[in-house]
Amino acid sequence: MGVDQESLWVAQARQGNQDAFARLVEAYQVPVYNLAYRMLGSAAEAEDATQETFVRVYTRFDTYDPTRKFSSWILSIASHHCVDRLRRRRDATVSMEEIMAWRWVPDERPRPEERVVTRERSDEMRRLLDALPPQYRLVIVLRYWYDMSYDEIAEVTASTISAVKSRLHRARQVMGAMLADQDGADSEGDAADEPAERRLSPSAVSHSF
């Protein structure tokens, strides 16, 4: 899908063209669903959030600024909706197994010991991400799973670049502190029971995604 084609669909959809809107839904349903799933951790909730996002897109076309990237606008709507959902529930979870699988697909079936290490890291990453407030979780997901620049994240989250950097920095601090606490607890145990695999260090948090 070219930029010109997308712009045409957007213009037509804003005028009530149902076929053009259907094209936009087809083009963006996967990115929107993926974002919702990584934020909410539930396939059912992600599907509901995706449907709600497109309802909001359709009813808010009059607020869209054509000078703005349409992808940023629609992901912004999805992001805010997911953050609202997270704030309304007390125990928000993210399926790190699916996230890890999306980020890294092995060339061959891993050996049993490799699967154990991967599972341990998946559990640890889930715990770390779940500990973050919704706004921190959002910038982490956009930065490390969508490879967005600070400018793009700022546009999607309707915030400033300095705010984005601050949230990312704070999120990494929280995750690093949790890793440090875990390492401290482990060091009090029997050294003979320590796993052979290297644990993630606080300094490696920003590279563990």
N, C-alpha and C. Protein backbone atom coordinates (compact mmCIF):
# COMPACT_ATOMS: atom_id res chain seq x y z
N MET A 1 0.84 -1.19 0.00
CA MET A 1 0.00 0.00 0.00
C MET A 1 0.87 1.24 0.00
N GLY A 2 0.73 2.06 -1.03
CA GLY A 2 1.50 3.28 -1.12
C GLY A 2 0.88 4.40 -0.32
N VAL A 3 1.69 5.43 -0.07
CA VAL A 3 1.21 6.58 0.70
C VAL A 3 0.07 7.27 -0.03
N ASP A 4 0.21 7.43 -1.35
CA ASP A 4 -0.84 8.08 -2.14
C ASP A 4 -2.15 7.30 -2.07
N GLN A 5 -2.04 5.97 -2.14
CA GLN A 5 -3.23 5.14 -2.09
C GLN A 5 -3.91 5.26 -0.73
N GLU A 6 -3.09 5.24 0.32
CA GLU A 6 -3.64 5.38 1.67
C GLU A 6 -4.33 6.73 1.84
N SER A 7 -3.68 7.78 1.36
CA SER A 7 -4.26 9.12 1.46
C SER A 7 -5.61 9.19 0.75
N LEU A 8 -5.70 8.51 -0.39
CA LEU A 8 -6.95 8.49 -1.14
C LEU A 8 -8.03 7.77 -0.34
N TRP A 9 -7.68 6.62 0.24
CA TRP A 9 -8.65 5.88 1.05
C TRP A 9 -9.12 6.71 2.24
N VAL A 10 -8.18 7.38 2.88
CA VAL A 10 -8.52 8.21 4.04
C VAL A 10 -9.49 9.32 3.63
N ALA A 11 -9.16 9.99 2.54
CA ALA A 11 -10.01 11.08 2.06
C ALA A 11 -11.41 10.57 1.73
N GLN A 12 -11.48 9.43 1.07
CA GLN A 12 -12.78 8.86 0.70
C GLN A 12 -13.55 8.40 1.93
N ALA A 13 -12.83 7.78 2.87
CA ALA A 13 -13.48 7.29 4.09
C ALA A 13 -14.05 8.44 4.91
N ARG A 14 -13.34 9.55 4.92
CA ARG A 14 -13.81 10.72 5.68
C ARG A 14 -15.10 11.28 5.08
N GLN A 15 -15.33 10.97 3.80
CA GLN A 15 -16.55 11.42 3.13
C GLN A 15 -17.66 10.37 3.21
N GLY A 16 -17.39 9.29 3.95
CA GLY A 16 -18.41 8.27 4.15
C GLY A 16 -18.33 7.07 3.23
N ASN A 17 -17.25 6.95 2.47
CA ASN A 17 -17.10 5.82 1.56
C ASN A 17 -16.79 4.56 2.37
N GLN A 18 -17.74 3.62 2.39
CA GLN A 18 -17.58 2.40 3.19
C GLN A 18 -16.49 1.48 2.65
N ASP A 19 -16.37 1.42 1.33
CA ASP A 19 -15.34 0.56 0.73
C ASP A 19 -13.94 1.05 1.10
N ALA A 20 -13.75 2.36 1.09
CA ALA A 20 -12.45 2.92 1.44
C ALA A 20 -12.12 2.65 2.91
N PHE A 21 -13.13 2.77 3.76
CA PHE A 21 -12.90 2.48 5.18
C PHE A 21 -12.56 1.01 5.38
N ALA A 22 -13.23 0.14 4.64
CA ALA A 22 -12.94 -1.29 4.73
C ALA A 22 -11.49 -1.57 4.33
N ARG A 23 -10.99 -0.85 3.35
CA ARG A 23 -9.59 -0.99 2.93
C ARG A 23 -8.64 -0.59 4.06
N LEU A 24 -8.97 0.47 4.75
CA LEU A 24 -8.13 0.93 5.86
C LEU A 24 -8.16 -0.07 7.01
N VAL A 25 -9.33 -0.63 7.26
CA VAL A 25 -9.44 -1.65 8.31
C VAL A 25 -8.57 -2.85 7.95
N GLU A 26 -8.65 -3.27 6.71
CA GLU A 26 -7.85 -4.40 6.26
C GLU A 26 -6.35 -4.12 6.39
N ALA A 27 -5.96 -2.89 6.11
CA ALA A 27 -4.54 -2.53 6.15
C ALA A 27 -4.00 -2.41 7.57
N TYR A 28 -4.86 -2.01 8.51
CA TYR A 28 -4.36 -1.71 9.86
C TYR A 28 -4.87 -2.64 10.96
N GLN A 29 -5.69 -3.61 10.63
CA GLN A 29 -6.23 -4.45 11.69
C GLN A 29 -5.14 -5.28 12.38
N VAL A 30 -4.14 -5.72 11.64
CA VAL A 30 -3.06 -6.50 12.26
C VAL A 30 -2.18 -5.64 13.16
N PRO A 31 -1.68 -4.48 12.68
CA PRO A 31 -0.88 -3.63 13.58
C PRO A 31 -1.64 -3.21 14.83
N VAL A 32 -2.92 -2.88 14.68
CA VAL A 32 -3.71 -2.46 15.84
C VAL A 32 -3.90 -3.63 16.80
N TYR A 33 -4.21 -4.80 16.25
CA TYR A 33 -4.39 -5.98 17.11
C TYR A 33 -3.10 -6.33 17.84
N ASN A 34 -1.98 -6.29 17.14
CA ASN A 34 -0.70 -6.62 17.77
C ASN A 34 -0.38 -5.68 18.92
N LEU A 35 -0.63 -4.40 18.72
CA LEU A 35 -0.39 -3.43 19.79
C LEU A 35 -1.30 -3.72 20.98
N ALA A 36 -2.57 -3.96 20.70
CA ALA A 36 -3.53 -4.25 21.78
C ALA A 36 -3.15 -5.52 22.53
N TYR A 37 -2.70 -6.51 21.79
CA TYR A 37 -2.35 -7.78 22.44
C TYR A 37 -1.14 -7.62 23.34
N ARG A 38 -0.15 -6.87 22.88
CA ARG A 38 1.05 -6.68 23.69
C ARG A 38 0.78 -5.80 24.91
N MET A 39 -0.21 -4.95 24.81
CA MET A 39 -0.56 -4.11 25.95
C MET A 39 -1.48 -4.84 26.93
N LEU A 40 -2.41 -5.63 26.40
CA LEU A 40 -3.44 -6.22 27.24
C LEU A 40 -3.18 -7.68 27.60
N GLY A 41 -2.43 -8.40 26.77
CA GLY A 41 -2.07 -9.78 27.08
C GLY A 41 -3.18 -10.79 26.94
N SER A 42 -4.27 -10.42 26.31
CA SER A 42 -5.40 -11.32 26.14
C SER A 42 -5.92 -11.22 24.72
N ALA A 43 -6.05 -12.36 24.05
CA ALA A 43 -6.53 -12.36 22.67
C ALA A 43 -7.95 -11.80 22.59
N ALA A 44 -8.79 -12.21 23.54
CA ALA A 44 -10.18 -11.74 23.53
C ALA A 44 -10.25 -10.23 23.75
N GLU A 45 -9.48 -9.74 24.71
CA GLU A 45 -9.47 -8.29 24.97
C GLU A 45 -8.87 -7.53 23.79
N ALA A 46 -7.85 -8.12 23.18
CA ALA A 46 -7.22 -7.46 22.03
C ALA A 46 -8.20 -7.34 20.87
N GLU A 47 -9.00 -8.38 20.66
CA GLU A 47 -10.01 -8.33 19.60
C GLU A 47 -11.05 -7.25 19.89
N ASP A 48 -11.49 -7.20 21.14
CA ASP A 48 -12.46 -6.16 21.51
C ASP A 48 -11.86 -4.76 21.34
N ALA A 49 -10.61 -4.62 21.77
CA ALA A 49 -9.94 -3.32 21.67
C ALA A 49 -9.75 -2.91 20.21
N THR A 50 -9.46 -3.89 19.36
CA THR A 50 -9.28 -3.61 17.93
C THR A 50 -10.59 -3.12 17.32
N GLN A 51 -11.68 -3.80 17.63
CA GLN A 51 -12.98 -3.38 17.12
C GLN A 51 -13.35 -1.99 17.62
N GLU A 52 -13.10 -1.75 18.90
CA GLU A 52 -13.42 -0.45 19.48
C GLU A 52 -12.57 0.65 18.85
N THR A 53 -11.32 0.33 18.55
CA THR A 53 -10.43 1.31 17.92
C THR A 53 -10.99 1.76 16.58
N PHE A 54 -11.43 0.80 15.77
CA PHE A 54 -11.94 1.17 14.44
C PHE A 54 -13.29 1.89 14.53
N VAL A 55 -14.07 1.58 15.55
CA VAL A 55 -15.30 2.34 15.76
C VAL A 55 -14.96 3.79 16.06
N ARG A 56 -13.94 3.98 16.91
CA ARG A 56 -13.54 5.34 17.26
C ARG A 56 -12.92 6.07 16.06
N VAL A 57 -12.17 5.33 15.26
CA VAL A 57 -11.59 5.93 14.05
C VAL A 57 -12.72 6.43 13.14
N TYR A 58 -13.71 5.59 12.94
CA TYR A 58 -14.81 5.94 12.03
C TYR A 58 -15.60 7.15 12.53
N THR A 59 -15.81 7.20 13.85
CA THR A 59 -16.63 8.28 14.41
C THR A 59 -15.83 9.55 14.66
N ARG A 60 -14.51 9.46 14.55
CA ARG A 60 -13.67 10.64 14.82
C ARG A 60 -12.89 11.12 13.60
N PHE A 61 -13.31 10.68 12.43
CA PHE A 61 -12.60 11.09 11.22
C PHE A 61 -12.55 12.61 11.07
N ASP A 62 -13.55 13.29 11.61
CA ASP A 62 -13.57 14.75 11.46
C ASP A 62 -12.47 15.41 12.28
N THR A 63 -11.86 14.67 13.22
CA THR A 63 -10.78 15.25 14.04
C THR A 63 -9.40 14.94 13.46
N TYR A 64 -9.36 14.13 12.41
CA TYR A 64 -8.06 13.74 11.84
C TYR A 64 -7.45 14.88 11.05
N ASP A 65 -6.18 15.14 11.32
CA ASP A 65 -5.41 16.16 10.60
C ASP A 65 -4.66 15.50 9.45
N PRO A 66 -5.03 15.78 8.20
CA PRO A 66 -4.40 15.13 7.04
C PRO A 66 -2.89 15.34 6.96
N THR A 67 -2.37 16.34 7.66
CA THR A 67 -0.92 16.56 7.63
C THR A 67 -0.19 15.59 8.55
N ARG A 68 -0.94 14.89 9.35
CA ARG A 68 -0.36 13.91 10.28
C ARG A 68 -0.39 12.52 9.66
N LYS A 69 0.61 11.69 9.98
CA LYS A 69 0.63 10.32 9.47
C LYS A 69 -0.60 9.58 9.99
N PHE A 70 -1.31 8.94 9.07
CA PHE A 70 -2.51 8.22 9.48
C PHE A 70 -2.17 7.07 10.42
N SER A 71 -1.04 6.41 10.17
CA SER A 71 -0.64 5.28 11.03
C SER A 71 -0.43 5.74 12.47
N SER A 72 0.18 6.91 12.64
CA SER A 72 0.40 7.44 13.99
C SER A 72 -0.93 7.77 14.66
N TRP A 73 -1.85 8.31 13.88
CA TRP A 73 -3.15 8.70 14.43
C TRP A 73 -3.94 7.48 14.90
N ILE A 74 -3.97 6.45 14.08
CA ILE A 74 -4.76 5.27 14.44
C ILE A 74 -4.11 4.50 15.59
N LEU A 75 -2.78 4.44 15.62
CA LEU A 75 -2.11 3.78 16.74
C LEU A 75 -2.25 4.59 18.02
N SER A 76 -2.37 5.89 17.88
CA SER A 76 -2.61 6.73 19.04
C SER A 76 -3.97 6.42 19.67
N ILE A 77 -4.97 6.27 18.83
CA ILE A 77 -6.31 5.92 19.32
C ILE A 77 -6.28 4.56 20.00
N ALA A 78 -5.60 3.61 19.37
CA ALA A 78 -5.50 2.26 19.96
C ALA A 78 -4.74 2.30 21.28
N SER A 79 -3.66 3.05 21.32
CA SER A 79 -2.83 3.13 22.53
C SER A 79 -3.61 3.70 23.71
N HIS A 80 -4.31 4.81 23.47
CA HIS A 80 -5.07 5.43 24.55
C HIS A 80 -6.19 4.52 25.04
N HIS A 81 -6.81 3.81 24.12
CA HIS A 81 -7.87 2.89 24.52
C HIS A 81 -7.31 1.76 25.39
N CYS A 82 -6.16 1.23 25.01
CA CYS A 82 -5.54 0.15 25.79
C CYS A 82 -5.11 0.63 27.17
N VAL A 83 -4.55 1.83 27.22
CA VAL A 83 -4.15 2.39 28.51
C VAL A 83 -5.37 2.56 29.41
N ASP A 84 -6.48 3.02 28.84
CA ASP A 84 -7.71 3.16 29.62
C ASP A 84 -8.17 1.81 30.16
N ARG A 85 -8.07 0.78 29.33
CA ARG A 85 -8.46 -0.56 29.77
C ARG A 85 -7.58 -1.04 30.93
N LEU A 86 -6.28 -0.81 30.80
CA LEU A 86 -5.36 -1.23 31.85
C LEU A 86 -5.64 -0.51 33.16
N ARG A 87 -5.99 0.74 33.06
CA ARG A 87 -6.27 1.50 34.27
C ARG A 87 -7.55 1.04 34.95
N ARG A 88 -8.44 0.43 34.17
CA ARG A 88 -9.71 -0.01 34.75
C ARG A 88 -9.62 -1.39 35.38
N ARG A 89 -8.55 -2.06 35.17
CA ARG A 89 -8.43 -3.38 35.78
C ARG A 89 -7.22 -3.43 36.70
N ARG A 90 -7.29 -4.24 37.69
CA ARG A 90 -6.26 -4.24 38.73
C ARG A 90 -5.09 -5.15 38.38
N ASP A 91 -5.35 -6.26 37.74
CA ASP A 91 -4.29 -7.21 37.43
C ASP A 91 -4.11 -7.32 35.92
N ALA A 92 -3.27 -6.43 35.37
CA ALA A 92 -2.99 -6.44 33.94
C ALA A 92 -1.82 -7.36 33.65
N THR A 93 -1.97 -8.19 32.63
CA THR A 93 -0.90 -9.12 32.28
C THR A 93 -0.61 -9.05 30.81
N VAL A 94 0.59 -9.43 30.44
CA VAL A 94 1.01 -9.49 29.05
C VAL A 94 1.62 -10.86 28.81
N SER A 95 1.20 -11.53 27.76
CA SER A 95 1.74 -12.85 27.46
C SER A 95 3.12 -12.73 26.85
N MET A 96 4.13 -12.89 27.69
CA MET A 96 5.49 -12.72 27.21
C MET A 96 5.92 -13.87 26.31
N GLU A 97 5.28 -15.06 26.46
CA GLU A 97 5.63 -16.15 25.55
C GLU A 97 5.36 -15.75 24.11
N GLU A 98 4.21 -15.12 23.87
CA GLU A 98 3.87 -14.70 22.51
C GLU A 98 4.78 -13.57 22.05
N ILE A 99 5.11 -12.65 22.98
CA ILE A 99 5.98 -11.54 22.62
C ILE A 99 7.37 -12.05 22.26
N MET A 100 7.89 -12.96 23.06
CA MET A 100 9.21 -13.50 22.79
C MET A 100 9.21 -14.24 21.45
N ALA A 101 8.12 -14.95 21.17
CA ALA A 101 8.03 -15.67 19.91
C ALA A 101 8.00 -14.71 18.73
N TRP A 102 7.33 -13.56 18.93
CA TRP A 102 7.26 -12.57 17.85
C TRP A 102 8.61 -11.93 17.60
N ARG A 103 9.36 -11.71 18.68
CA ARG A 103 10.65 -11.05 18.54
C ARG A 103 11.73 -11.99 18.01
N TRP A 104 11.61 -13.28 18.31
CA TRP A 104 12.70 -14.19 17.96
C TRP A 104 12.13 -15.53 17.55
N VAL A 105 12.33 -15.90 16.30
CA VAL A 105 11.88 -17.20 15.81
C VAL A 105 13.11 -18.02 15.48
N PRO A 106 13.39 -19.11 16.21
CA PRO A 106 14.60 -19.89 15.99
C PRO A 106 14.58 -20.60 14.65
N ASP A 107 15.76 -20.87 14.14
CA ASP A 107 15.89 -21.57 12.87
C ASP A 107 15.62 -23.06 13.03
N GLU A 108 15.77 -23.58 14.24
CA GLU A 108 15.54 -24.98 14.47
C GLU A 108 14.93 -25.16 15.85
N ARG A 109 14.42 -26.34 16.11
CA ARG A 109 13.81 -26.62 17.39
C ARG A 109 14.86 -26.52 18.50
N PRO A 110 14.61 -25.71 19.54
CA PRO A 110 15.61 -25.56 20.60
C PRO A 110 15.75 -26.83 21.43
N ARG A 111 16.95 -27.00 21.96
CA ARG A 111 17.20 -28.14 22.83
C ARG A 111 16.46 -27.94 24.14
N PRO A 112 16.22 -29.03 24.91
CA PRO A 112 15.46 -28.92 26.16
C PRO A 112 16.00 -27.87 27.11
N GLU A 113 17.34 -27.83 27.29
CA GLU A 113 17.90 -26.86 28.21
C GLU A 113 17.70 -25.43 27.72
N GLU A 114 17.68 -25.25 26.38
CA GLU A 114 17.44 -23.92 25.83
C GLU A 114 15.99 -23.50 26.07
N ARG A 115 15.08 -24.46 26.00
CA ARG A 115 13.67 -24.14 26.25
C ARG A 115 13.46 -23.72 27.70
N VAL A 116 14.19 -24.35 28.61
CA VAL A 116 14.09 -23.99 30.02
C VAL A 116 14.55 -22.55 30.23
N VAL A 117 15.70 -22.20 29.64
CA VAL A 117 16.24 -20.85 29.78
C VAL A 117 15.28 -19.84 29.17
N THR A 118 14.74 -20.15 27.98
CA THR A 118 13.81 -19.24 27.32
C THR A 118 12.56 -19.02 28.18
N ARG A 119 12.06 -20.10 28.77
CA ARG A 119 10.87 -19.99 29.62
C ARG A 119 11.16 -19.14 30.85
N GLU A 120 12.34 -19.35 31.45
CA GLU A 120 12.70 -18.57 32.63
C GLU A 120 12.79 -17.08 32.28
N ARG A 121 13.38 -16.78 31.14
CA ARG A 121 13.50 -15.38 30.73
C ARG A 121 12.13 -14.81 30.37
N SER A 122 11.27 -15.63 29.75
CA SER A 122 9.93 -15.16 29.42
C SER A 122 9.16 -14.81 30.68
N ASP A 123 9.25 -15.67 31.69
CA ASP A 123 8.57 -15.40 32.95
C ASP A 123 9.11 -14.13 33.60
N GLU A 124 10.44 -13.95 33.53
CA GLU A 124 11.04 -12.77 34.14
C GLU A 124 10.61 -11.50 33.40
N MET A 125 10.57 -11.56 32.07
CA MET A 125 10.17 -10.39 31.30
C MET A 125 8.70 -10.06 31.52
N ARG A 126 7.86 -11.08 31.68
CA ARG A 126 6.46 -10.84 31.97
C ARG A 126 6.33 -10.10 33.30
N ARG A 127 7.05 -10.57 34.30
CA ARG A 127 7.00 -9.96 35.62
C ARG A 127 7.45 -8.50 35.57
N LEU A 128 8.51 -8.25 34.82
CA LEU A 128 9.03 -6.89 34.72
C LEU A 128 8.04 -5.96 34.02
N LEU A 129 7.50 -6.43 32.90
CA LEU A 129 6.59 -5.58 32.13
C LEU A 129 5.28 -5.35 32.88
N ASP A 130 4.80 -6.38 33.57
CA ASP A 130 3.56 -6.24 34.33
C ASP A 130 3.69 -5.25 35.47
N ALA A 131 4.92 -5.05 35.95
CA ALA A 131 5.14 -4.14 37.08
C ALA A 131 5.09 -2.67 36.67
N LEU A 132 5.15 -2.41 35.37
CA LEU A 132 5.17 -1.03 34.89
C LEU A 132 3.77 -0.42 34.84
N PRO A 133 3.64 0.85 35.19
CA PRO A 133 2.37 1.56 34.99
C PRO A 133 2.04 1.59 33.50
N PRO A 134 0.77 1.71 33.13
CA PRO A 134 0.37 1.67 31.72
C PRO A 134 1.17 2.60 30.80
N GLN A 135 1.42 3.84 31.23
CA GLN A 135 2.13 4.79 30.36
C GLN A 135 3.57 4.35 30.13
N TYR A 136 4.20 3.78 31.14
CA TYR A 136 5.57 3.28 30.97
C TYR A 136 5.58 2.05 30.08
N ARG A 137 4.60 1.17 30.30
CA ARG A 137 4.52 -0.04 29.48
C ARG A 137 4.33 0.33 28.01
N LEU A 138 3.50 1.34 27.77
CA LEU A 138 3.22 1.74 26.39
C LEU A 138 4.48 2.20 25.67
N VAL A 139 5.28 3.06 26.30
CA VAL A 139 6.48 3.55 25.61
C VAL A 139 7.50 2.44 25.41
N ILE A 140 7.56 1.49 26.34
CA ILE A 140 8.47 0.35 26.18
C ILE A 140 8.04 -0.49 24.98
N VAL A 141 6.73 -0.77 24.88
CA VAL A 141 6.22 -1.57 23.76
C VAL A 141 6.46 -0.87 22.43
N LEU A 142 6.16 0.43 22.37
CA LEU A 142 6.34 1.17 21.12
C LEU A 142 7.80 1.27 20.73
N ARG A 143 8.66 1.42 21.72
CA ARG A 143 10.09 1.58 21.44
C ARG A 143 10.74 0.26 21.03
N TYR A 144 10.49 -0.80 21.76
CA TYR A 144 11.24 -2.04 21.55
C TYR A 144 10.52 -3.08 20.71
N TRP A 145 9.19 -3.00 20.62
CA TRP A 145 8.50 -3.96 19.77
C TRP A 145 8.08 -3.35 18.43
N TYR A 146 7.93 -2.04 18.38
CA TYR A 146 7.58 -1.37 17.14
C TYR A 146 8.72 -0.54 16.58
N ASP A 147 9.85 -0.53 17.29
CA ASP A 147 11.06 0.18 16.84
C ASP A 147 10.77 1.64 16.47
N MET A 148 9.90 2.28 17.22
CA MET A 148 9.56 3.67 16.93
C MET A 148 10.63 4.62 17.46
N SER A 149 10.80 5.73 16.76
CA SER A 149 11.71 6.78 17.22
C SER A 149 11.04 7.56 18.34
N TYR A 150 11.82 8.41 19.02
CA TYR A 150 11.24 9.25 20.07
C TYR A 150 10.16 10.16 19.49
N ASP A 151 10.41 10.69 18.30
CA ASP A 151 9.43 11.56 17.65
C ASP A 151 8.12 10.83 17.41
N GLU A 152 8.22 9.60 16.90
CA GLU A 152 7.02 8.82 16.59
C GLU A 152 6.25 8.46 17.85
N ILE A 153 6.98 8.08 18.90
CA ILE A 153 6.32 7.74 20.16
C ILE A 153 5.61 8.97 20.73
N ALA A 154 6.28 10.11 20.65
CA ALA A 154 5.67 11.34 21.15
C ALA A 154 4.38 11.65 20.40
N GLU A 155 4.37 11.42 19.09
CA GLU A 155 3.17 11.68 18.30
C GLU A 155 2.06 10.72 18.67
N VAL A 156 2.39 9.44 18.81
CA VAL A 156 1.38 8.44 19.14
C VAL A 156 0.79 8.67 20.52
N THR A 157 1.64 9.03 21.47
CA THR A 157 1.19 9.19 22.86
C THR A 157 0.74 10.62 23.18
N ALA A 158 0.81 11.50 22.18
CA ALA A 158 0.41 12.90 22.38
C ALA A 158 1.18 13.53 23.53
N SER A 159 2.48 13.33 23.52
CA SER A 159 3.34 13.90 24.57
C SER A 159 4.58 14.50 23.92
N THR A 160 5.46 15.03 24.73
CA THR A 160 6.69 15.62 24.21
C THR A 160 7.80 14.59 24.13
N ILE A 161 8.82 14.89 23.34
CA ILE A 161 9.96 13.99 23.23
C ILE A 161 10.65 13.84 24.59
N SER A 162 10.76 14.92 25.32
CA SER A 162 11.40 14.85 26.63
C SER A 162 10.60 13.97 27.58
N ALA A 163 9.27 14.01 27.46
CA ALA A 163 8.42 13.16 28.31
C ALA A 163 8.61 11.70 27.94
N VAL A 164 8.72 11.42 26.65
CA VAL A 164 8.95 10.05 26.19
C VAL A 164 10.27 9.52 26.74
N LYS A 165 11.32 10.32 26.60
CA LYS A 165 12.63 9.90 27.11
C LYS A 165 12.59 9.68 28.62
N SER A 166 11.88 10.55 29.31
CA SER A 166 11.77 10.43 30.76
C SER A 166 11.05 9.15 31.15
N ARG A 167 9.96 8.83 30.45
CA ARG A 167 9.21 7.61 30.76
C ARG A 167 10.03 6.36 30.45
N LEU A 168 10.74 6.38 29.34
CA LEU A 168 11.59 5.24 29.00
C LEU A 168 12.68 5.06 30.05
N HIS A 169 13.28 6.17 30.46
CA HIS A 169 14.35 6.11 31.46
C HIS A 169 13.81 5.57 32.77
N ARG A 170 12.65 6.07 33.17
CA ARG A 170 12.06 5.63 34.43
C ARG A 170 11.64 4.16 34.36
N ALA A 171 11.10 3.76 33.22
CA ALA A 171 10.69 2.36 33.05
C ALA A 171 11.89 1.43 33.17
N ARG A 172 13.00 1.82 32.53
CA ARG A 172 14.20 0.98 32.62
C ARG A 172 14.76 0.97 34.04
N GLN A 173 14.62 2.08 34.75
CA GLN A 173 15.06 2.12 36.14
C GLN A 173 14.26 1.14 37.00
N VAL A 174 12.95 1.14 36.81
CA VAL A 174 12.08 0.25 37.57
C VAL A 174 12.43 -1.21 37.27
N MET A 175 12.60 -1.51 35.99
CA MET A 175 12.91 -2.88 35.61
C MET A 175 14.29 -3.29 36.11
N GLY A 176 15.25 -2.36 36.03
CA GLY A 176 16.59 -2.64 36.52
C GLY A 176 16.60 -2.87 38.01
N ALA A 177 15.82 -2.08 38.76
CA ALA A 177 15.76 -2.25 40.21
C ALA A 177 15.17 -3.60 40.58
N MET A 178 14.16 -4.03 39.83
CA MET A 178 13.56 -5.33 40.10
C MET A 178 14.55 -6.45 39.84
N LEU A 179 15.34 -6.31 38.77
CA LEU A 179 16.36 -7.31 38.47
C LEU A 179 17.41 -7.33 39.56
N ALA A 180 17.80 -6.14 40.04
CA ALA A 180 18.81 -6.06 41.09
C ALA A 180 18.30 -6.71 42.37
N ASP A 181 17.03 -6.47 42.69
CA ASP A 181 16.44 -7.09 43.89
C ASP A 181 16.43 -8.60 43.76
N GLN A 182 16.10 -9.08 42.56
CA GLN A 182 16.07 -10.52 42.33
C GLN A 182 17.47 -11.12 42.46
N ASP A 183 18.47 -10.42 41.90
CA ASP A 183 19.84 -10.90 42.00
C ASP A 183 20.30 -10.94 43.45
N GLY A 184 19.87 -9.93 44.24
CA GLY A 184 20.24 -9.90 45.64
C GLY A 184 19.63 -11.04 46.41
N ALA A 185 18.37 -11.36 46.09
CA ALA A 185 17.70 -12.47 46.76
C ALA A 185 18.35 -13.79 46.39
N ASP A 186 18.75 -13.91 45.14
CA ASP A 186 19.39 -15.15 44.70
C ASP A 186 20.74 -15.35 45.36
N SER A 187 21.47 -14.24 45.58
CA SER A 187 22.81 -14.35 46.14
C SER A 187 22.79 -14.84 47.58
N GLU A 188 21.64 -14.71 48.25
CA GLU A 188 21.53 -15.17 49.62
C GLU A 188 21.30 -16.67 49.70
N GLY A 189 20.96 -17.28 48.59
CA GLY A 189 20.74 -18.72 48.58
C GLY A 189 22.03 -19.49 48.45
N ASP A 190 21.90 -20.78 48.34
CA ASP A 190 23.06 -21.65 48.21
C ASP A 190 23.69 -21.43 46.85
N ALA A 191 24.96 -21.07 46.82
CA ALA A 191 25.65 -20.80 45.55
C ALA A 191 25.64 -22.02 44.65
N ALA A 192 25.58 -23.19 45.25
CA ALA A 192 25.60 -24.42 44.45
C ALA A 192 24.31 -24.58 43.66
N ASP A 193 23.26 -23.90 44.11
CA ASP A 193 21.98 -24.02 43.42
C ASP A 193 21.80 -22.97 42.35
N GLU A 194 22.78 -22.08 42.19
CA GLU A 194 22.67 -21.03 41.19
C GLU A 194 22.67 -21.63 39.79
N PRO A 195 21.77 -21.18 38.89
CA PRO A 195 21.77 -21.70 37.53
C PRO A 195 23.04 -21.32 36.79
N ALA A 196 23.43 -22.15 35.86
CA ALA A 196 24.66 -21.90 35.11
C ALA A 196 24.49 -20.75 34.15
N GLU A 197 23.23 -20.51 33.67
CA GLU A 197 23.01 -19.46 32.69
C GLU A 197 23.17 -18.09 33.33
N ARG A 198 23.71 -17.14 32.57
CA ARG A 198 23.90 -15.78 33.06
C ARG A 198 22.55 -15.10 33.20
N ARG A 199 22.36 -14.47 34.36
CA ARG A 199 21.12 -13.72 34.57
C ARG A 199 21.22 -12.37 33.88
N LEU A 200 20.05 -11.81 33.59
CA LEU A 200 20.02 -10.47 33.01
C LEU A 200 20.47 -9.48 34.06
N SER A 201 21.38 -8.59 33.72
CA SER A 201 21.84 -7.56 34.64
C SER A 201 21.06 -6.29 34.39
N PRO A 202 20.98 -5.39 35.39
CA PRO A 202 20.25 -4.13 35.18
C PRO A 202 20.73 -3.38 33.96
N SER A 203 22.04 -3.43 33.69
CA SER A 203 22.57 -2.70 32.54
C SER A 203 22.13 -3.29 31.22
N ALA A 204 21.63 -4.53 31.27
CA ALA A 204 21.23 -5.20 30.03
C ALA A 204 19.74 -5.08 29.76
N VAL A 205 19.02 -4.38 30.63
CA VAL A 205 17.58 -4.28 30.48
C VAL A 205 17.19 -3.73 29.13
N SER A 206 17.87 -2.66 28.72
CA SER A 206 17.50 -2.02 27.46
C SER A 206 17.84 -2.87 26.26
N HIS A 207 18.61 -3.96 26.46
CA HIS A 207 18.97 -4.81 25.33
C HIS A 207 18.26 -6.16 25.39
N SER A 208 17.42 -6.35 26.37
CA SER A 208 16.81 -7.66 26.56
C SER A 208 15.48 -7.81 25.87
N PHE A 209 15.14 -6.84 25.02
CA PHE A 209 13.88 -6.90 24.29
C PHE A 209 14.11 -7.29 22.84
